[in-house]
Amino acid sequence: MTTLSPARRTVRAAQDAATMLDRNIRHTLRSPDTMIMTIALPVMILLMFVYVFGGAMNVGPGAYIDYVVPGIILLCAGFGAATTAVSLSTDLTDGIVDRFRAMDIARSAVLTGHVVESLIRNMITTCLVIGVAVALGFRPTADPARWLGALAIIAIFVLALSWLAAALGLLARNPEAANGFTFAFMFLPYVSSAFVPTESMPTWLHRFAENQPVTPVIETVRGLLMGTPIGDSAITAIMWCAGIALAGYLAAGALFARRTAD
């Protein structure tokens, strides 16, 4: 058997990951439930908060839609990234991963394919939500550089949550359990500055909302798009995302090795 050099192994792993990515994208396009979750749900959430709750919200100067859209984007990213846990758990329980193990592909490609597919899918969803928001009256003040910065922060956030979701999907014994494990993804944005300023919350809840990972990400995206003060939110957001991504990556790698051990 020919021993591949480290550089060649890296190239092969990248090629295998691209193959897995193509497989996951095709699977998503052929899944009506996933397509509805990816496209329809974010738009419905946006419409609900703008038209159902918007009239009762007081967030200071400016329209509520300008305040809430960054939070909606992050909420939808959390929903989308959480599906990584379910899809990976489904692959494990359906036995397709056992077939992959019998093939000459890098084991890391299975995880990378799911995570990168999640990133692509959620960035497309982000652009869709922004487009609908603009049609509804969202008026960001960002220049091209700030737009790129906001999209980069969103991408880092999605990547971090996707790796964490992959780890949770491997920890769960079935897709139903994986779906339950990702509940925090859907809960945290509600206890943040996504929909109302944290100052309006009770003291104990305000402290939690200010110091959990979603709030600095939202404040950074809002500041980049709307010109509001960012302060040290950007550094805090990047540190949170990097830490979550690293923990998720290491945990997913270890759990995948254990779940697929011979």
Protein backbone atom coordinates (compact mmCIF):
# COMPACT_ATOMS: atom_id res chain seq x y z
CA MET A 1 0.00 0.00 0.00
CA THR A 2 1.36 3.39 -0.97
CA THR A 3 1.86 5.79 1.93
CA LEU A 4 0.63 9.28 1.12
CA SER A 5 2.57 12.35 2.15
CA PRO A 6 0.90 14.76 4.64
CA ALA A 7 0.27 17.26 1.84
CA ARG A 8 -1.33 14.59 -0.35
CA ARG A 9 -3.47 13.36 2.55
CA THR A 10 -4.69 16.93 3.10
CA VAL A 11 -5.62 17.24 -0.57
CA ARG A 12 -7.42 13.90 -0.50
CA ALA A 13 -9.31 14.90 2.65
CA ALA A 14 -10.38 18.16 0.99
CA GLN A 15 -11.57 16.27 -2.09
CA ASP A 16 -13.50 13.81 0.04
CA ALA A 17 -15.06 16.68 2.01
CA ALA A 18 -16.15 18.29 -1.27
CA THR A 19 -17.80 15.02 -2.27
CA MET A 20 -19.62 14.82 1.06
CA LEU A 21 -20.63 18.47 0.70
CA ASP A 22 -22.14 17.77 -2.72
CA ARG A 23 -24.00 14.78 -1.28
CA ASN A 24 -25.41 16.83 1.62
CA ILE A 25 -26.49 19.70 -0.64
CA ARG A 26 -28.32 17.27 -2.93
CA HIS A 27 -29.96 15.65 0.08
CA THR A 28 -31.12 19.06 1.36
CA LEU A 29 -32.57 20.04 -2.02
CA ARG A 30 -34.52 16.78 -2.15
CA SER A 31 -35.93 17.17 1.38
CA PRO A 32 -39.15 19.23 1.49
CA ASP A 33 -38.99 19.53 5.30
CA THR A 34 -35.47 20.93 5.20
CA MET A 35 -36.32 23.35 2.42
CA ILE A 36 -39.32 24.64 4.39
CA MET A 37 -37.16 24.99 7.51
CA THR A 38 -34.48 26.77 5.48
CA ILE A 39 -36.64 29.19 3.49
CA ALA A 40 -40.18 29.53 4.80
CA LEU A 41 -39.58 29.49 8.57
CA PRO A 42 -37.13 32.42 8.69
CA VAL A 43 -39.46 34.57 6.61
CA MET A 44 -42.44 33.64 8.81
CA ILE A 45 -40.50 34.53 11.96
CA LEU A 46 -39.53 37.88 10.45
CA LEU A 47 -43.13 38.67 9.48
CA MET A 48 -44.40 37.64 12.91
CA PHE A 49 -42.04 39.89 14.85
CA VAL A 50 -42.46 42.87 12.53
CA TYR A 51 -46.24 42.79 12.13
CA VAL A 52 -47.53 40.94 15.21
CA PHE A 53 -45.19 42.14 17.96
CA GLY A 54 -43.60 45.20 16.37
CA GLY A 55 -46.38 47.60 17.24
CA ALA A 56 -46.05 46.87 20.96
CA MET A 57 -42.26 47.18 21.12
CA ASN A 58 -40.47 50.31 22.28
CA VAL A 59 -36.77 50.17 21.49
CA GLY A 60 -36.05 53.88 21.38
CA PRO A 61 -35.49 55.97 18.26
CA GLY A 62 -35.87 54.32 14.89
CA ALA A 63 -38.23 51.73 13.46
CA TYR A 64 -38.54 48.40 15.22
CA ILE A 65 -37.73 46.52 12.04
CA ASP A 66 -34.30 48.18 11.96
CA TYR A 67 -33.69 46.99 15.50
CA VAL A 68 -35.04 43.45 15.19
CA VAL A 69 -33.67 42.26 11.84
CA PRO A 70 -30.12 41.49 13.15
CA GLY A 71 -31.69 39.42 15.92
CA ILE A 72 -33.94 37.58 13.45
CA ILE A 73 -30.89 36.76 11.32
CA LEU A 74 -29.09 35.22 14.30
CA LEU A 75 -32.23 33.39 15.45
CA CYS A 76 -32.65 31.83 12.00
CA ALA A 77 -28.96 30.94 11.91
CA GLY A 78 -29.43 29.07 15.17
CA PHE A 79 -32.41 27.17 13.75
CA GLY A 80 -30.48 26.30 10.61
CA ALA A 81 -27.30 25.25 12.36
CA ALA A 82 -29.28 23.05 14.76
CA THR A 83 -30.45 20.89 11.85
CA THR A 84 -26.84 19.73 11.47
CA ALA A 85 -27.27 17.66 14.63
CA VAL A 86 -30.37 15.95 13.28
CA SER A 87 -28.95 15.24 9.81
CA LEU A 88 -25.71 13.83 11.22
CA SER A 89 -27.57 11.70 13.75
CA THR A 90 -29.82 10.44 10.95
CA ASP A 91 -26.78 9.39 8.92
CA LEU A 92 -25.46 7.44 11.89
CA THR A 93 -28.73 5.67 12.71
CA ASP A 94 -29.56 4.90 9.06
CA GLY A 95 -26.23 3.14 8.56
CA ILE A 96 -24.89 5.31 5.74
CA VAL A 97 -21.82 6.19 7.82
CA ASP A 98 -20.98 2.48 8.01
CA ARG A 99 -20.97 2.41 4.21
CA PHE A 100 -18.70 5.45 4.12
CA ARG A 101 -16.29 3.68 6.49
CA ALA A 102 -15.99 0.83 3.99
CA MET A 103 -14.93 3.31 1.29
CA ASP A 104 -11.52 4.87 0.80
CA ILE A 105 -12.44 8.32 2.12
CA ALA A 106 -11.19 10.46 4.99
CA ARG A 107 -13.38 10.05 8.06
CA SER A 108 -13.17 13.77 8.74
CA ALA A 109 -14.91 14.39 5.41
CA VAL A 110 -18.25 13.25 6.82
CA LEU A 111 -18.21 15.92 9.53
CA THR A 112 -16.74 18.63 7.32
CA GLY A 113 -19.34 18.00 4.63
CA HIS A 114 -22.21 18.48 7.09
CA VAL A 115 -20.72 21.61 8.66
CA VAL A 116 -19.85 23.33 5.38
CA GLU A 117 -23.29 22.50 3.96
CA SER A 118 -24.81 24.13 7.05
CA LEU A 119 -22.68 27.22 6.52
CA ILE A 120 -23.68 27.57 2.86
CA ARG A 121 -27.36 26.91 3.55
CA ASN A 122 -27.52 29.40 6.39
CA MET A 123 -25.70 32.16 4.51
CA ILE A 124 -28.21 31.77 1.67
CA THR A 125 -31.01 31.99 4.24
CA THR A 126 -29.39 35.11 5.71
CA CYS A 127 -29.39 36.82 2.32
CA LEU A 128 -33.02 35.82 1.81
CA VAL A 129 -34.09 37.22 5.19
CA ILE A 130 -32.23 40.46 4.54
CA GLY A 131 -33.88 40.76 1.11
CA VAL A 132 -37.37 40.27 2.57
CA ALA A 133 -36.57 42.67 5.41
CA VAL A 134 -35.51 45.38 2.97
CA ALA A 135 -38.77 44.88 1.09
CA LEU A 136 -40.62 45.34 4.40
CA GLY A 137 -38.83 48.57 5.27
CA PHE A 138 -35.47 47.58 6.77
CA ARG A 139 -33.02 50.38 5.98
CA PRO A 140 -29.41 49.53 6.92
CA THR A 141 -26.85 52.33 6.73
CA ALA A 142 -23.80 50.12 6.18
CA ASP A 143 -21.23 50.70 3.45
CA PRO A 144 -19.81 47.69 1.51
CA ALA A 145 -16.99 47.15 4.04
CA ARG A 146 -19.44 47.03 6.96
CA TRP A 147 -21.71 44.67 5.02
CA LEU A 148 -18.78 42.31 4.52
CA GLY A 149 -17.92 42.59 8.20
CA ALA A 150 -21.49 41.76 9.23
CA LEU A 151 -21.65 38.77 6.91
CA ALA A 152 -18.29 37.57 8.20
CA ILE A 153 -19.50 37.70 11.82
CA ILE A 154 -22.67 35.82 10.86
CA ALA A 155 -20.59 33.19 9.03
CA ILE A 156 -18.32 32.71 12.04
CA PHE A 157 -21.37 32.37 14.29
CA VAL A 158 -22.98 29.79 11.99
CA LEU A 159 -19.73 27.85 11.73
CA ALA A 160 -19.38 27.74 15.51
CA LEU A 161 -22.96 26.58 16.06
CA SER A 162 -22.66 24.01 13.27
CA TRP A 163 -19.62 22.36 14.86
CA LEU A 164 -21.36 22.36 18.24
CA ALA A 165 -24.48 20.89 16.62
CA ALA A 166 -22.36 18.19 14.98
CA ALA A 167 -21.00 17.23 18.40
CA LEU A 168 -24.51 17.11 19.87
CA GLY A 169 -25.74 15.03 16.96
CA LEU A 170 -22.97 12.51 17.62
CA LEU A 171 -23.73 12.51 21.34
CA ALA A 172 -27.42 11.75 20.74
CA ARG A 173 -28.55 8.18 20.15
CA ASN A 174 -31.24 9.07 17.63
CA PRO A 175 -32.44 12.08 15.58
CA GLU A 176 -35.23 12.86 18.06
CA ALA A 177 -32.74 13.18 20.89
CA ALA A 178 -30.46 15.27 18.68
CA ASN A 179 -33.33 17.66 18.02
CA GLY A 180 -33.91 18.00 21.76
CA PHE A 181 -30.24 18.64 22.49
CA THR A 182 -30.25 21.70 20.25
CA PHE A 183 -33.08 23.42 22.14
CA ALA A 184 -30.64 25.97 23.56
CA PHE A 185 -29.91 27.20 20.02
CA MET A 186 -33.52 28.32 19.74
CA PHE A 187 -33.80 29.60 23.30
CA LEU A 188 -30.72 31.81 23.72
CA PRO A 189 -31.63 34.50 21.13
CA TYR A 190 -34.87 35.17 23.00
CA VAL A 191 -32.91 35.97 26.17
CA SER A 192 -30.60 38.46 24.49
CA SER A 193 -30.76 41.89 22.87
CA ALA A 194 -32.33 40.37 19.75
CA PHE A 195 -35.86 41.64 20.28
CA VAL A 196 -35.69 44.17 23.13
CA PRO A 197 -32.83 46.02 24.86
CA THR A 198 -31.42 44.02 27.74
CA GLU A 199 -31.89 47.08 30.00
CA SER A 200 -35.64 46.44 29.91
CA MET A 201 -35.22 43.02 31.56
CA PRO A 202 -35.21 42.26 35.32
CA THR A 203 -31.77 42.67 36.90
CA TRP A 204 -30.99 38.95 37.18
CA LEU A 205 -32.08 38.28 33.60
CA HIS A 206 -30.31 41.39 32.33
CA ARG A 207 -27.00 40.08 33.66
CA PHE A 208 -27.48 36.75 31.95
CA ALA A 209 -28.55 38.36 28.67
CA GLU A 210 -25.53 40.66 28.66
CA ASN A 211 -23.05 37.86 29.29
CA GLN A 212 -24.26 35.05 27.07
CA PRO A 213 -22.70 34.43 23.61
CA VAL A 214 -25.55 35.58 21.36
CA THR A 215 -25.83 39.17 22.61
CA PRO A 216 -22.35 40.40 21.53
CA VAL A 217 -22.82 38.80 18.12
CA ILE A 218 -26.16 40.56 17.66
CA GLU A 219 -24.78 43.88 18.90
CA THR A 220 -21.86 43.60 16.49
CA VAL A 221 -24.07 42.80 13.51
CA ARG A 222 -26.53 45.55 14.49
CA GLY A 223 -23.71 48.06 14.89
CA LEU A 224 -22.20 47.19 11.50
CA LEU A 225 -25.52 47.35 9.67
CA MET A 226 -27.19 50.23 11.49
CA GLY A 227 -24.26 52.32 12.75
CA THR A 228 -25.04 51.83 16.44
CA PRO A 229 -22.12 51.70 18.93
CA ILE A 230 -20.25 48.40 18.93
CA GLY A 231 -17.74 48.94 21.74
CA ASP A 232 -15.97 45.71 22.64
CA SER A 233 -18.83 43.54 21.35
CA ALA A 234 -16.92 42.53 18.20
CA ILE A 235 -13.94 41.16 20.13
CA THR A 236 -16.23 39.40 22.60
CA ALA A 237 -18.31 37.93 19.78
CA ILE A 238 -15.27 36.58 17.95
CA MET A 239 -13.87 35.10 21.15
CA TRP A 240 -17.17 33.38 21.96
CA CYS A 241 -17.50 32.00 18.42
CA ALA A 242 -13.89 30.82 18.31
CA GLY A 243 -14.25 29.07 21.65
CA ILE A 244 -17.54 27.39 20.70
CA ALA A 245 -16.15 26.35 17.30
CA LEU A 246 -13.00 24.86 18.82
CA ALA A 247 -14.91 23.01 21.53
CA GLY A 248 -17.43 21.71 18.99
CA TYR A 249 -14.71 20.65 16.54
CA LEU A 250 -12.69 18.76 19.15
CA ALA A 251 -15.77 17.14 20.70
CA ALA A 252 -17.19 16.16 17.30
CA GLY A 253 -13.90 14.60 16.24
CA ALA A 254 -13.60 12.58 19.45
CA LEU A 255 -17.25 11.48 19.44
CA PHE A 256 -17.14 10.53 15.76
CA ALA A 257 -14.04 8.41 16.33
CA ARG A 258 -15.78 6.67 19.23
CA ARG A 259 -19.07 6.13 17.37
CA THR A 260 -17.27 4.70 14.31
CA ALA A 261 -14.60 2.68 16.13
CA ASP A 262 -14.04 -0.76 14.68
